[in-house]
PDB file of N, CA and C in Angstrom:
ATOM      1  N   UNK A   1      35.304-160.725 -78.848  1.00  0.00           N
ATOM      2  CA  UNK A   1      35.823-161.770 -78.001  1.00  0.00           C
ATOM      3  C   UNK A   1      34.985-161.849 -76.734  1.00  0.00           C
ATOM      4  N   UNK A   2      33.995-162.685 -76.757  1.00  0.00           N
ATOM      5  CA  UNK A   2      33.133-162.840 -75.595  1.00  0.00           C
ATOM      6  C   UNK A   2      33.564-163.985 -74.692  1.00  0.00           C
ATOM      7  N   UNK A   3      34.476-164.796 -75.173  1.00  0.00           N
ATOM      8  CA  UNK A   3      34.907-165.989 -74.462  1.00  0.00           C
ATOM      9  C   UNK A   3      36.177-165.687 -73.655  1.00  0.00           C
ATOM     10  N   UNK A   4      36.174-165.908 -72.339  1.00  0.00           N
ATOM     11  CA  UNK A   4      37.361-165.629 -71.529  1.00  0.00           C
ATOM     12  C   UNK A   4      38.611-166.367 -72.013  1.00  0.00           C
ATOM     13  N   UNK A   5      38.459-167.605 -72.455  1.00  0.00           N
ATOM     14  CA  UNK A   5      39.636-168.346 -72.929  1.00  0.00           C
ATOM     15  C   UNK A   5      40.257-167.654 -74.137  1.00  0.00           C
ATOM     16  N   UNK A   6      39.422-167.152 -75.032  1.00  0.00           N
ATOM     17  CA  UNK A   6      39.930-166.441 -76.208  1.00  0.00           C
ATOM     18  C   UNK A   6      40.643-165.167 -75.798  1.00  0.00           C
ATOM     19  N   UNK A   7      40.111-164.472 -74.813  1.00  0.00           N
ATOM     20  CA  UNK A   7      40.767-163.264 -74.313  1.00  0.00           C
ATOM     21  C   UNK A   7      42.126-163.579 -73.700  1.00  0.00           C
ATOM     22  N   UNK A   8      42.175-164.638 -72.890  1.00  0.00           N
ATOM     23  CA  UNK A   8      43.458-165.067 -72.320  1.00  0.00           C
ATOM     24  C   UNK A   8      44.449-165.394 -73.425  1.00  0.00           C
ATOM     25  N   UNK A   9      44.019-166.178 -74.397  1.00  0.00           N
ATOM     26  CA  UNK A   9      44.915-166.597 -75.473  1.00  0.00           C
ATOM     27  C   UNK A   9      45.399-165.414 -76.295  1.00  0.00           C
ATOM     28  N   UNK A  10      44.515-164.450 -76.553  1.00  0.00           N
ATOM     29  CA  UNK A  10      44.925-163.252 -77.289  1.00  0.00           C
ATOM     30  C   UNK A  10      45.940-162.452 -76.481  1.00  0.00           C
ATOM     31  N   UNK A  11      45.671-162.277 -75.195  1.00  0.00           N
ATOM     32  CA  UNK A  11      46.598-161.529 -74.337  1.00  0.00           C
ATOM     33  C   UNK A  11      47.962-162.213 -74.279  1.00  0.00           C
ATOM     34  N   UNK A  12      47.959-163.523 -74.178  1.00  0.00           N
ATOM     35  CA  UNK A  12      49.221-164.279 -74.152  1.00  0.00           C
ATOM     36  C   UNK A  12      49.966-164.094 -75.468  1.00  0.00           C
ATOM     37  N   UNK A  13      49.263-164.172 -76.581  1.00  0.00           N
ATOM     38  CA  UNK A  13      49.892-164.006 -77.896  1.00  0.00           C
ATOM     39  C   UNK A  13      50.499-162.604 -78.032  1.00  0.00           C
ATOM     40  N   UNK A  14      49.758-161.575 -77.587  1.00  0.00           N
ATOM     41  CA  UNK A  14      50.278-160.207 -77.670  1.00  0.00           C
ATOM     42  C   UNK A  14      51.516-160.043 -76.796  1.00  0.00           C
ATOM     43  N   UNK A  15      51.486-160.599 -75.616  1.00  0.00           N
ATOM     44  CA  UNK A  15      52.635-160.486 -74.712  1.00  0.00           C
ATOM     45  C   UNK A  15      53.851-161.236 -75.274  1.00  0.00           C
ATOM     46  N   UNK A  16      53.615-162.386 -75.900  1.00  0.00           N
ATOM     47  CA  UNK A  16      54.730-163.122 -76.512  1.00  0.00           C
ATOM     48  C   UNK A  16      55.340-162.326 -77.653  1.00  0.00           C
ATOM     49  N   UNK A  17      54.500-161.623 -78.409  1.00  0.00           N
ATOM     50  CA  UNK A  17      55.022-160.756 -79.476  1.00  0.00           C
ATOM     51  C   UNK A  17      55.865-159.633 -78.874  1.00  0.00           C
ATOM     52  N   UNK A  18      55.435-159.106 -77.750  1.00  0.00           N
ATOM     53  CA  UNK A  18      56.202-158.050 -77.088  1.00  0.00           C
ATOM     54  C   UNK A  18      57.557-158.575 -76.616  1.00  0.00           C
ATOM     55  N   UNK A  19      57.585-159.797 -76.112  1.00  0.00           N
ATOM     56  CA  UNK A  19      58.860-160.412 -75.702  1.00  0.00           C
ATOM     57  C   UNK A  19      59.801-160.474 -76.898  1.00  0.00           C
ATOM     58  N   UNK A  20      59.293-160.927 -78.028  1.00  0.00           N
ATOM     59  CA  UNK A  20      60.120-161.014 -79.240  1.00  0.00           C
ATOM     60  C   UNK A  20      60.608-159.627 -79.672  1.00  0.00           C
ATOM     61  N   UNK A  21      59.699-158.645 -79.627  1.00  0.00           N
ATOM     62  CA  UNK A  21      60.067-157.287 -80.024  1.00  0.00           C
ATOM     63  C   UNK A  21      61.191-156.747 -79.147  1.00  0.00           C
ATOM     64  N   UNK A  22      61.013-156.813 -77.824  1.00  0.00           N
ATOM     65  CA  UNK A  22      62.033-156.280 -76.933  1.00  0.00           C
ATOM     66  C   UNK A  22      63.329-157.084 -77.032  1.00  0.00           C
ATOM     67  N   UNK A  23      63.215-158.380 -77.292  1.00  0.00           N
ATOM     68  CA  UNK A  23      64.420-159.186 -77.504  1.00  0.00           C
ATOM     69  C   UNK A  23      65.207-158.728 -78.716  1.00  0.00           C
ATOM     70  N   UNK A  24      64.500-158.394 -79.787  1.00  0.00           N
ATOM     71  CA  UNK A  24      65.199-157.904 -80.983  1.00  0.00           C
ATOM     72  C   UNK A  24      65.798-156.529 -80.727  1.00  0.00           C
ATOM     73  N   UNK A  25      65.134-155.719 -79.901  1.00  0.00           N
ATOM     74  CA  UNK A  25      65.681-154.412 -79.550  1.00  0.00           C
ATOM     75  C   UNK A  25      66.964-154.561 -78.745  1.00  0.00           C
ATOM     76  N   UNK A  26      66.999-155.554 -77.862  1.00  0.00           N
ATOM     77  CA  UNK A  26      68.222-155.823 -77.096  1.00  0.00           C
ATOM     78  C   UNK A  26      69.361-156.131 -78.054  1.00  0.00           C
ATOM     79  N   UNK A  27      69.093-156.977 -79.034  1.00  0.00           N
ATOM     80  CA  UNK A  27      70.129-157.377 -79.987  1.00  0.00           C
ATOM     81  C   UNK A  27      70.629-156.190 -80.806  1.00  0.00           C
ATOM     82  N   UNK A  28      69.748-155.226 -81.067  1.00  0.00           N
ATOM     83  CA  UNK A  28      70.115-154.075 -81.895  1.00  0.00           C
ATOM     84  C   UNK A  28      70.747-152.927 -81.113  1.00  0.00           C
ATOM     85  N   UNK A  29      70.552-152.895 -79.807  1.00  0.00           N
ATOM     86  CA  UNK A  29      71.087-151.799 -79.000  1.00  0.00           C
ATOM     87  C   UNK A  29      72.582-152.002 -78.751  1.00  0.00           C
ATOM     88  N   UNK A  30      73.304-150.915 -78.647  1.00  0.00           N
ATOM     89  CA  UNK A  30      74.745-151.028 -78.390  1.00  0.00           C
ATOM     90  C   UNK A  30      75.040-151.722 -77.063  1.00  0.00           C
ATOM     91  N   UNK A  31      76.053-152.550 -77.065  1.00  0.00           N
ATOM     92  CA  UNK A  31      76.458-153.261 -75.856  1.00  0.00           C
ATOM     93  C   UNK A  31      76.766-152.255 -74.753  1.00  0.00           C
ATOM     94  N   UNK A  32      76.256-152.534 -73.554  1.00  0.00           N
ATOM     95  CA  UNK A  32      76.528-151.690 -72.405  1.00  0.00           C
ATOM     96  C   UNK A  32      75.708-150.409 -72.332  1.00  0.00           C
ATOM     97  N   UNK A  33      74.815-150.209 -73.297  1.00  0.00           N
ATOM     98  CA  UNK A  33      74.034-148.970 -73.321  1.00  0.00           C
ATOM     99  C   UNK A  33      72.853-149.031 -72.358  1.00  0.00           C
ATOM    100  N   UNK A  34      72.374-147.853 -71.994  1.00  0.00           N
ATOM    101  CA  UNK A  34      71.191-147.744 -71.151  1.00  0.00           C
ATOM    102  C   UNK A  34      69.995-148.352 -71.880  1.00  0.00           C
ATOM    103  N   UNK A  35      69.925-148.115 -73.191  1.00  0.00           N
ATOM    104  CA  UNK A  35      68.821-148.655 -73.987  1.00  0.00           C
ATOM    105  C   UNK A  35      68.790-150.176 -73.930  1.00  0.00           C
ATOM    106  N   UNK A  36      69.943-150.775 -74.041  1.00  0.00           N
ATOM    107  CA  UNK A  36      70.010-152.241 -74.008  1.00  0.00           C
ATOM    108  C   UNK A  36      69.506-152.771 -72.669  1.00  0.00           C
ATOM    109  N   UNK A  37      69.917-152.136 -71.593  1.00  0.00           N
ATOM    110  CA  UNK A  37      69.476-152.563 -70.266  1.00  0.00           C
ATOM    111  C   UNK A  37      67.965-152.392 -70.118  1.00  0.00           C
ATOM    112  N   UNK A  38      67.443-151.269 -70.601  1.00  0.00           N
ATOM    113  CA  UNK A  38      66.005-151.023 -70.536  1.00  0.00           C
ATOM    114  C   UNK A  38      65.240-152.081 -71.317  1.00  0.00           C
ATOM    115  N   UNK A  39      65.688-152.396 -72.523  1.00  0.00           N
ATOM    116  CA  UNK A  39      65.014-153.426 -73.324  1.00  0.00           C
ATOM    117  C   UNK A  39      65.079-154.791 -72.648  1.00  0.00           C
ATOM    118  N   UNK A  40      66.193-155.092 -71.996  1.00  0.00           N
ATOM    119  CA  UNK A  40      66.289-156.356 -71.241  1.00  0.00           C
ATOM    120  C   UNK A  40      65.256-156.397 -70.119  1.00  0.00           C
ATOM    121  N   UNK A  41      65.152-155.295 -69.394  1.00  0.00           N
ATOM    122  CA  UNK A  41      64.192-155.232 -68.296  1.00  0.00           C
ATOM    123  C   UNK A  41      62.758-155.339 -68.802  1.00  0.00           C
ATOM    124  N   UNK A  42      62.465-154.667 -69.908  1.00  0.00           N
ATOM    125  CA  UNK A  42      61.120-154.749 -70.480  1.00  0.00           C
ATOM    126  C   UNK A  42      60.815-156.171 -70.944  1.00  0.00           C
ATOM    127  N   UNK A  43      61.780-156.817 -71.585  1.00  0.00           N
ATOM    128  CA  UNK A  43      61.582-158.196 -72.034  1.00  0.00           C
ATOM    129  C   UNK A  43      61.333-159.117 -70.842  1.00  0.00           C
ATOM    130  N   UNK A  44      62.075-158.915 -69.769  1.00  0.00           N
ATOM    131  CA  UNK A  44      61.892-159.750 -68.573  1.00  0.00           C
ATOM    132  C   UNK A  44      60.518-159.523 -67.958  1.00  0.00           C
ATOM    133  N   UNK A  45      60.085-158.262 -67.909  1.00  0.00           N
ATOM    134  CA  UNK A  45      58.783-157.955 -67.328  1.00  0.00           C
ATOM    135  C   UNK A  45      57.653-158.580 -68.151  1.00  0.00           C
ATOM    136  N   UNK A  46      57.759-158.474 -69.457  1.00  0.00           N
ATOM    137  CA  UNK A  46      56.715-159.027 -70.316  1.00  0.00           C
ATOM    138  C   UNK A  46      56.743-160.553 -70.269  1.00  0.00           C
ATOM    139  N   UNK A  47      57.915-161.141 -70.119  1.00  0.00           N
ATOM    140  CA  UNK A  47      58.017-162.589 -69.959  1.00  0.00           C
ATOM    141  C   UNK A  47      57.266-163.032 -68.703  1.00  0.00           C
ATOM    142  N   UNK A  48      57.372-162.245 -67.638  1.00  0.00           N
ATOM    143  CA  UNK A  48      56.611-162.531 -66.411  1.00  0.00           C
ATOM    144  C   UNK A  48      55.107-162.438 -66.670  1.00  0.00           C
ATOM    145  N   UNK A  49      54.704-161.462 -67.479  1.00  0.00           N
ATOM    146  CA  UNK A  49      53.281-161.329 -67.815  1.00  0.00           C
ATOM    147  C   UNK A  49      52.772-162.589 -68.514  1.00  0.00           C
ATOM    148  N   UNK A  50      53.579-163.121 -69.430  1.00  0.00           N
ATOM    149  CA  UNK A  50      53.198-164.348 -70.134  1.00  0.00           C
ATOM    150  C   UNK A  50      52.984-165.471 -69.130  1.00  0.00           C
ATOM    151  N   UNK A  51      53.916-165.628 -68.214  1.00  0.00           N
ATOM    152  CA  UNK A  51      53.808-166.698 -67.221  1.00  0.00           C
ATOM    153  C   UNK A  51      52.564-166.530 -66.353  1.00  0.00           C
ATOM    154  N   UNK A  52      52.292-165.302 -65.943  1.00  0.00           N
ATOM    155  CA  UNK A  52      51.111-165.044 -65.116  1.00  0.00           C
ATOM    156  C   UNK A  52      49.836-165.358 -65.889  1.00  0.00           C
ATOM    157  N   UNK A  53      49.753-164.868 -67.112  1.00  0.00           N
ATOM    158  CA  UNK A  53      48.560-165.119 -67.925  1.00  0.00           C
ATOM    159  C   UNK A  53      48.367-166.607 -68.205  1.00  0.00           C
ATOM    160  N   UNK A  54      49.449-167.315 -68.487  1.00  0.00           N
ATOM    161  CA  UNK A  54      49.330-168.758 -68.732  1.00  0.00           C
ATOM    162  C   UNK A  54      48.853-169.489 -67.482  1.00  0.00           C
ATOM    163  N   UNK A  55      49.355-169.078 -66.326  1.00  0.00           N
ATOM    164  CA  UNK A  55      48.907-169.677 -65.063  1.00  0.00           C
ATOM    165  C   UNK A  55      47.438-169.386 -64.819  1.00  0.00           C
ATOM    166  N   UNK A  56      47.048-168.133 -65.025  1.00  0.00           N
ATOM    167  CA  UNK A  56      45.648-167.762 -64.807  1.00  0.00           C
ATOM    168  C   UNK A  56      44.719-168.490 -65.781  1.00  0.00           C
ATOM    169  N   UNK A  57      45.131-168.652 -67.026  1.00  0.00           N
ATOM    170  CA  UNK A  57      44.325-169.393 -67.999  1.00  0.00           C
ATOM    171  C   UNK A  57      44.168-170.846 -67.556  1.00  0.00           C
ATOM    172  N   UNK A  58      45.272-171.446 -67.153  1.00  0.00           N
ATOM    173  CA  UNK A  58      45.231-172.843 -66.703  1.00  0.00           C
ATOM    174  C   UNK A  58      44.282-172.993 -65.507  1.00  0.00           C
ATOM    175  N   UNK A  59      44.372-172.076 -64.563  1.00  0.00           N
ATOM    176  CA  UNK A  59      43.491-172.136 -63.393  1.00  0.00           C
ATOM    177  C   UNK A  59      42.040-171.931 -63.798  1.00  0.00           C
ATOM    178  N   UNK A  60      41.774-171.012 -64.732  1.00  0.00           N
ATOM    179  CA  UNK A  60      40.408-170.768 -65.192  1.00  0.00           C
ATOM    180  C   UNK A  60      39.839-172.015 -65.863  1.00  0.00           C
ATOM    181  N   UNK A  61      40.645-172.658 -66.702  1.00  0.00           N
ATOM    182  CA  UNK A  61      40.201-173.883 -67.387  1.00  0.00           C
ATOM    183  C   UNK A  61      39.880-174.971 -66.363  1.00  0.00           C
ATOM    184  N   UNK A  62      40.661-175.030 -65.286  1.00  0.00           N
ATOM    185  CA  UNK A  62      40.449-176.029 -64.238  1.00  0.00           C
ATOM    186  C   UNK A  62      39.324-175.642 -63.281  1.00  0.00           C
ATOM    187  N   UNK A  63      38.726-174.468 -63.475  1.00  0.00           N
ATOM    188  CA  UNK A  63      37.633-174.021 -62.616  1.00  0.00           C
ATOM    189  C   UNK A  63      38.074-173.470 -61.279  1.00  0.00           C
ATOM    190  N   UNK A  64      39.357-173.115 -61.180  1.00  0.00           N
ATOM    191  CA  UNK A  64      39.887-172.571 -59.928  1.00  0.00           C
ATOM    192  C   UNK A  64      39.841-171.054 -59.970  1.00  0.00           C
ATOM    193  N   UNK A  65      39.893-170.430 -58.781  1.00  0.00           N
ATOM    194  CA  UNK A  65      39.959-168.995 -58.698  1.00  0.00           C
ATOM    195  C   UNK A  65      41.323-168.524 -59.184  1.00  0.00           C
ATOM    196  N   UNK A  66      41.344-167.296 -59.671  1.00  0.00           N
ATOM    197  CA  UNK A  66      42.603-166.714 -60.121  1.00  0.00           C
ATOM    198  C   UNK A  66      43.504-166.362 -58.956  1.00  0.00           C
ATOM    199  N   UNK A  67      44.789-166.296 -59.228  1.00  0.00           N
ATOM    200  CA  UNK A  67      45.759-165.925 -58.199  1.00  0.00           C
ATOM    201  C   UNK A  67      45.908-164.422 -58.096  1.00  0.00           C
ATOM    202  N   UNK A  68      45.660-163.732 -59.202  1.00  0.00           N
ATOM    203  CA  UNK A  68      45.808-162.273 -59.242  1.00  0.00           C
ATOM    204  C   UNK A  68      44.425-161.654 -59.105  1.00  0.00           C
ATOM    205  N   UNK A  69      44.303-160.771 -58.154  1.00  0.00           N
ATOM    206  CA  UNK A  69      43.009-160.116 -57.941  1.00  0.00           C
ATOM    207  C   UNK A  69      42.942-158.789 -58.639  1.00  0.00           C
TER     208      UNK A  69
END
């Protein structure tokens, strides 16, 4: 992967898979459990990663500097 856009797209795809994985873990964990809360937090964090990567990709395509240094 020598192309930055391809790297962004791959990273976004991997993070989206992680969101799905942690979401399914939430559904499988017992209600009110520590595990369920942890999986929710992980899913939320990875969801933020997706948003950041999508923003950075959009800015890169537009020729703008990235927001994250």
